[in-house]
Protein backbone atom coordinates (compact mmCIF):
# COMPACT_ATOMS: atom_id res chain seq x y z
CA MET A 1 57.96 114.57 68.01
CA GLU A 2 59.66 113.43 64.84
CA LEU A 3 63.04 114.70 63.70
CA SER A 4 63.78 114.87 60.03
CA PRO A 5 66.89 113.07 58.85
CA ILE A 6 68.24 116.34 57.45
CA SER A 7 68.07 118.20 60.77
CA THR A 8 69.54 115.22 62.60
CA ASN A 9 72.43 114.95 60.12
CA THR A 10 73.12 118.68 60.40
CA ALA A 11 73.14 118.49 64.20
CA MET A 12 75.43 115.47 64.15
CA ALA A 13 77.80 117.21 61.74
CA GLY A 14 77.97 120.17 64.12
CA ILE A 15 78.71 117.89 67.06
CA VAL A 16 81.44 116.08 65.12
CA ARG A 17 83.05 119.40 64.14
CA GLN A 18 83.01 120.53 67.77
CA LEU A 19 84.58 117.25 68.93
CA GLU A 20 87.28 117.54 66.27
CA THR A 21 88.02 121.10 67.38
CA ASN A 22 88.23 120.01 71.01
CA ALA A 23 90.56 117.13 70.14
CA THR A 24 92.81 119.45 68.13
CA MET A 25 93.01 121.94 71.00
CA GLN A 26 93.71 119.21 73.55
CA THR A 27 96.47 117.78 71.37
CA ALA A 28 98.08 121.22 71.04
CA ILE A 29 97.92 121.75 74.81
CA LEU A 30 99.43 118.33 75.53
CA LYS A 31 102.22 118.98 73.01
CA GLN A 32 102.98 122.33 74.65
CA MET A 33 103.04 120.70 78.09
CA ALA A 34 105.42 118.00 76.89
CA GLU A 35 107.73 120.59 75.34
CA SER A 36 107.71 122.62 78.56
CA GLN A 37 108.53 119.54 80.62
CA GLN A 38 111.38 118.70 78.25
CA GLU A 39 112.77 122.22 78.56
CA MET A 40 112.53 122.03 82.35
CA ALA A 41 114.30 118.65 82.39
CA GLU A 42 117.09 120.06 80.23
CA MET A 43 117.50 123.09 82.50
CA LEU A 44 117.65 120.89 85.58
CA GLN A 45 120.20 118.65 83.88
CA GLN A 46 122.35 121.67 83.02
CA LEU A 47 122.25 122.63 86.71
CA GLY A 48 123.29 119.10 87.63
CA LEU A 49 120.02 118.31 89.35
CA GLY A 50 118.23 115.02 89.01
CA LEU A 51 121.23 113.13 87.71
CA SER A 52 121.34 110.64 90.56
CA VAL A 53 117.70 110.21 91.43
CA ASP A 54 116.73 106.67 92.46
CA LEU A 55 113.37 106.00 90.85
CA HIS A 56 113.17 102.44 92.18
CA GLY A 57 113.72 103.32 95.83
């Protein structure tokens, strides 16, 4: 079975668009997670928690 270059290019363009959409969504999710973690760290700091944690123990 032979595929025409036009149908192959169209399929590849669709795949690239889908990958770009996935990457955009993943970036947005990671940004939201980082912001949430920052907010949590700030809340814990305000409560005085985590100020003397030994990370090298």
